């Protein structure tokens, strides 16, 4: 496994043009994609060029200062894959935005807000569940690059931030979540690959041919033994089960918010299965009912509650469609 990809810095001033060119390419591409479909079309004006240059210069300066003042900065696999997850989810939302009536800049703003809320909520959720690990070293709470995120905490954090900010931006909270659901499934898979590279969220001991032995780290004191690569199980289930089934079910989920609820049901089913192989390793048992790991108990609750809400809301539509289909067959 490779928790650290590369160490950046210290940089010389001659590195600045390359850093600026990178951010300029990113900002320029996004601006082009956002404006090419607008009513006014794509036109390169002096004001637009200045705007793009400023938007590229700000992250260039911040990155340079970060690397040279605090660095050398270690680029961690976990952080890179989390960023890749955000980009993939945002790209999916951008591609599908017309279905739900969102603009390109609005998609980016909402995605950034949801991502920020998810990161904070995920970290706080993990710390709360593992408080014994941080009670003696509170400063470790902010060591995000070491991994340690709670999926359910991240979900709650993202929902809370979007629930507050989406209406303030003139966007429907439920339509935002319906738009984001497939992208979240894709991003979740990439984030779990980050967990695999980081060596966290590992499974219990395993003798199967695909068992993986993670090298010891300062955070893990257990002897390195072959274990289930549960991070890869989660990634494969997300792209091979959750995402395709969600897209297949989308035409049947007509009510606002139901596509996101469908995502919760499917992703919780996948998580329930993965937790079987994490028990006794990175899956902590649920104290009130030790037969379940905590995440498995939460997944089961989500499956029941979200599934029931979908059926209650969609059942009249399903019955009407079935009756209409039966009437059409009789008349034919």
Foldseek 3Di string as FASTA:
>chain_A
DAFFDDFDDDDDPVCLVVQLVVLLVVLVVLVQLQACPDPVHDDDDPVVVVVSSVRSVVVSVVVNCCCNVVDSPTDTLLVVLLVVLLVQLLVQLQVCVVVLPDGNVRSVVLSVQLSVQLLVQFLVVQCVVPVVVCVVPVVCSPPPSLPGTHNVRSVVRSLVRCVVVQVVVVHDSLSSLLSRLLSNLQSLLSSLVSCLNSVPLWFDADDDPPFDFDDDDPVDDDDTHTAHSLSNLLSCCSVPPLNVVLVVCVVLQDDRNLSSLSSLLSSLVSVLVSVVGRPPPNFDADVVDRVHGPSNVVSVVSNVPSVVVSCVVRVVVVVVVVVVVVVVVVVD
